[in-house]
């Protein structure tokens, strides 16, 4: 956490990161003295958190044509 933030703000910032980290697939362990219940509830209600994981890029279908590779001629 940035050192210029007061302790309460550091706790809120750390706690608000928990739902995002969980959605990203991380395991999160947080000590009770750092956890801020109200900040956690707000973070869970945040529309950016509820949106879920980022969209997965779609890959080209398996049967899609690929550029033809010219055949090599042997002398």
C-alpha atoms as a PDB file:
ATOM      1  CA  UNK A   1       0.000   0.000   0.000  1.00  0.00           C
ATOM      2  CA  UNK A   2       1.154   3.532  -0.615  1.00  0.00           C
ATOM      3  CA  UNK A   3       2.775   4.894   2.523  1.00  0.00           C
ATOM      4  CA  UNK A   4       1.275   8.358   2.104  1.00  0.00           C
ATOM      5  CA  UNK A   5      -2.201   6.964   2.893  1.00  0.00           C
ATOM      6  CA  UNK A   6      -3.389   6.882   6.479  1.00  0.00           C
ATOM      7  CA  UNK A   7      -3.824   3.439   8.055  1.00  0.00           C
ATOM      8  CA  UNK A   8      -7.625   3.374   7.670  1.00  0.00           C
ATOM      9  CA  UNK A   9      -7.401   4.224   3.991  1.00  0.00           C
ATOM     10  CA  UNK A  10      -4.763   1.523   3.480  1.00  0.00           C
ATOM     11  CA  UNK A  11      -7.127  -1.003   5.105  1.00  0.00           C
ATOM     12  CA  UNK A  12     -10.012   0.075   2.867  1.00  0.00           C
ATOM     13  CA  UNK A  13      -7.876  -0.097  -0.264  1.00  0.00           C
ATOM     14  CA  UNK A  14      -6.533  -3.560   0.606  1.00  0.00           C
ATOM     15  CA  UNK A  15      -9.996  -4.854   1.456  1.00  0.00           C
ATOM     16  CA  UNK A  16     -11.546  -3.478  -1.732  1.00  0.00           C
ATOM     17  CA  UNK A  17      -8.987  -5.434  -3.768  1.00  0.00           C
ATOM     18  CA  UNK A  18     -10.143  -8.779  -2.341  1.00  0.00           C
ATOM     19  CA  UNK A  19     -13.246  -9.348  -4.553  1.00  0.00           C
ATOM     20  CA  UNK A  20     -11.321  -8.421  -7.697  1.00  0.00           C
ATOM     21  CA  UNK A  21      -8.503 -10.795  -6.808  1.00  0.00           C
ATOM     22  CA  UNK A  22     -10.977 -13.591  -6.074  1.00  0.00           C
ATOM     23  CA  UNK A  23     -12.660 -13.076  -9.457  1.00  0.00           C
ATOM     24  CA  UNK A  24      -9.256 -13.241 -11.107  1.00  0.00           C
ATOM     25  CA  UNK A  25      -8.719 -16.671  -9.542  1.00  0.00           C
ATOM     26  CA  UNK A  26      -6.340 -15.762  -6.749  1.00  0.00           C
ATOM     27  CA  UNK A  27      -6.507 -17.198  -3.254  1.00  0.00           C
ATOM     28  CA  UNK A  28      -6.675 -14.340  -0.759  1.00  0.00           C
ATOM     29  CA  UNK A  29      -5.685 -14.474   2.906  1.00  0.00           C
ATOM     30  CA  UNK A  30      -6.326 -11.333   4.915  1.00  0.00           C
ATOM     31  CA  UNK A  31      -5.742 -10.858   8.618  1.00  0.00           C
ATOM     32  CA  UNK A  32      -8.744  -9.611  10.605  1.00  0.00           C
ATOM     33  CA  UNK A  33      -6.904  -6.474  11.742  1.00  0.00           C
ATOM     34  CA  UNK A  34      -6.611  -5.355   8.091  1.00  0.00           C
ATOM     35  CA  UNK A  35     -10.044  -6.455   6.876  1.00  0.00           C
ATOM     36  CA  UNK A  36     -12.709  -3.711   6.646  1.00  0.00           C
ATOM     37  CA  UNK A  37     -16.201  -5.251   6.440  1.00  0.00           C
ATOM     38  CA  UNK A  38     -17.949  -2.164   5.048  1.00  0.00           C
ATOM     39  CA  UNK A  39     -15.272  -1.619   2.378  1.00  0.00           C
ATOM     40  CA  UNK A  40     -15.605  -5.264   1.361  1.00  0.00           C
ATOM     41  CA  UNK A  41     -19.389  -4.977   1.017  1.00  0.00           C
ATOM     42  CA  UNK A  42     -19.019  -1.816  -1.066  1.00  0.00           C
ATOM     43  CA  UNK A  43     -16.468  -3.494  -3.320  1.00  0.00           C
ATOM     44  CA  UNK A  44     -18.763  -6.478  -3.885  1.00  0.00           C
ATOM     45  CA  UNK A  45     -21.591  -4.092  -4.842  1.00  0.00           C
ATOM     46  CA  UNK A  46     -19.355  -2.107  -7.204  1.00  0.00           C
ATOM     47  CA  UNK A  47     -20.602  -2.589 -10.794  1.00  0.00           C
ATOM     48  CA  UNK A  48     -17.050  -3.171 -12.043  1.00  0.00           C
ATOM     49  CA  UNK A  49     -16.678  -6.080  -9.619  1.00  0.00           C
ATOM     50  CA  UNK A  50     -20.062  -7.584 -10.475  1.00  0.00           C
ATOM     51  CA  UNK A  51     -19.272  -7.474 -14.191  1.00  0.00           C
ATOM     52  CA  UNK A  52     -17.167 -10.568 -13.657  1.00  0.00           C
ATOM     53  CA  UNK A  53     -14.060 -11.634 -15.405  1.00  0.00           C
ATOM     54  CA  UNK A  54     -12.806  -9.828 -18.487  1.00  0.00           C
ATOM     55  CA  UNK A  55     -14.113 -11.166 -21.759  1.00  0.00           C
ATOM     56  CA  UNK A  56     -12.103 -13.989 -23.207  1.00  0.00           C
ATOM     57  CA  UNK A  57     -10.738 -13.264 -26.646  1.00  0.00           C
ATOM     58  CA  UNK A  58     -12.339 -15.450 -29.252  1.00  0.00           C
ATOM     59  CA  UNK A  59     -10.043 -17.649 -31.261  1.00  0.00           C
ATOM     60  CA  UNK A  60     -10.542 -18.382 -34.925  1.00  0.00           C
ATOM     61  CA  UNK A  61     -12.623 -21.491 -35.573  1.00  0.00           C
ATOM     62  CA  UNK A  62     -10.653 -24.667 -36.132  1.00  0.00           C
ATOM     63  CA  UNK A  63     -11.813 -25.085 -39.715  1.00  0.00           C
ATOM     64  CA  UNK A  64     -11.005 -21.528 -40.781  1.00  0.00           C
ATOM     65  CA  UNK A  65      -8.856 -21.177 -43.854  1.00  0.00           C
ATOM     66  CA  UNK A  66      -5.265 -20.146 -43.388  1.00  0.00           C
ATOM     67  CA  UNK A  67      -3.029 -18.507 -45.953  1.00  0.00           C
ATOM     68  CA  UNK A  68      -1.677 -21.097 -48.342  1.00  0.00           C
ATOM     69  CA  UNK A  69       1.999 -21.897 -48.035  1.00  0.00           C
ATOM     70  CA  UNK A  70       3.646 -22.135 -51.431  1.00  0.00           C
ATOM     71  CA  UNK A  71       4.996 -25.584 -52.207  1.00  0.00           C
ATOM     72  CA  UNK A  72       8.768 -25.883 -52.426  1.00  0.00           C
ATOM     73  CA  UNK A  73      10.187 -27.216 -55.621  1.00  0.00           C
ATOM     74  CA  UNK A  74      13.111 -29.530 -55.518  1.00  0.00           C
ATOM     75  CA  UNK A  75      15.488 -29.478 -58.513  1.00  0.00           C
END
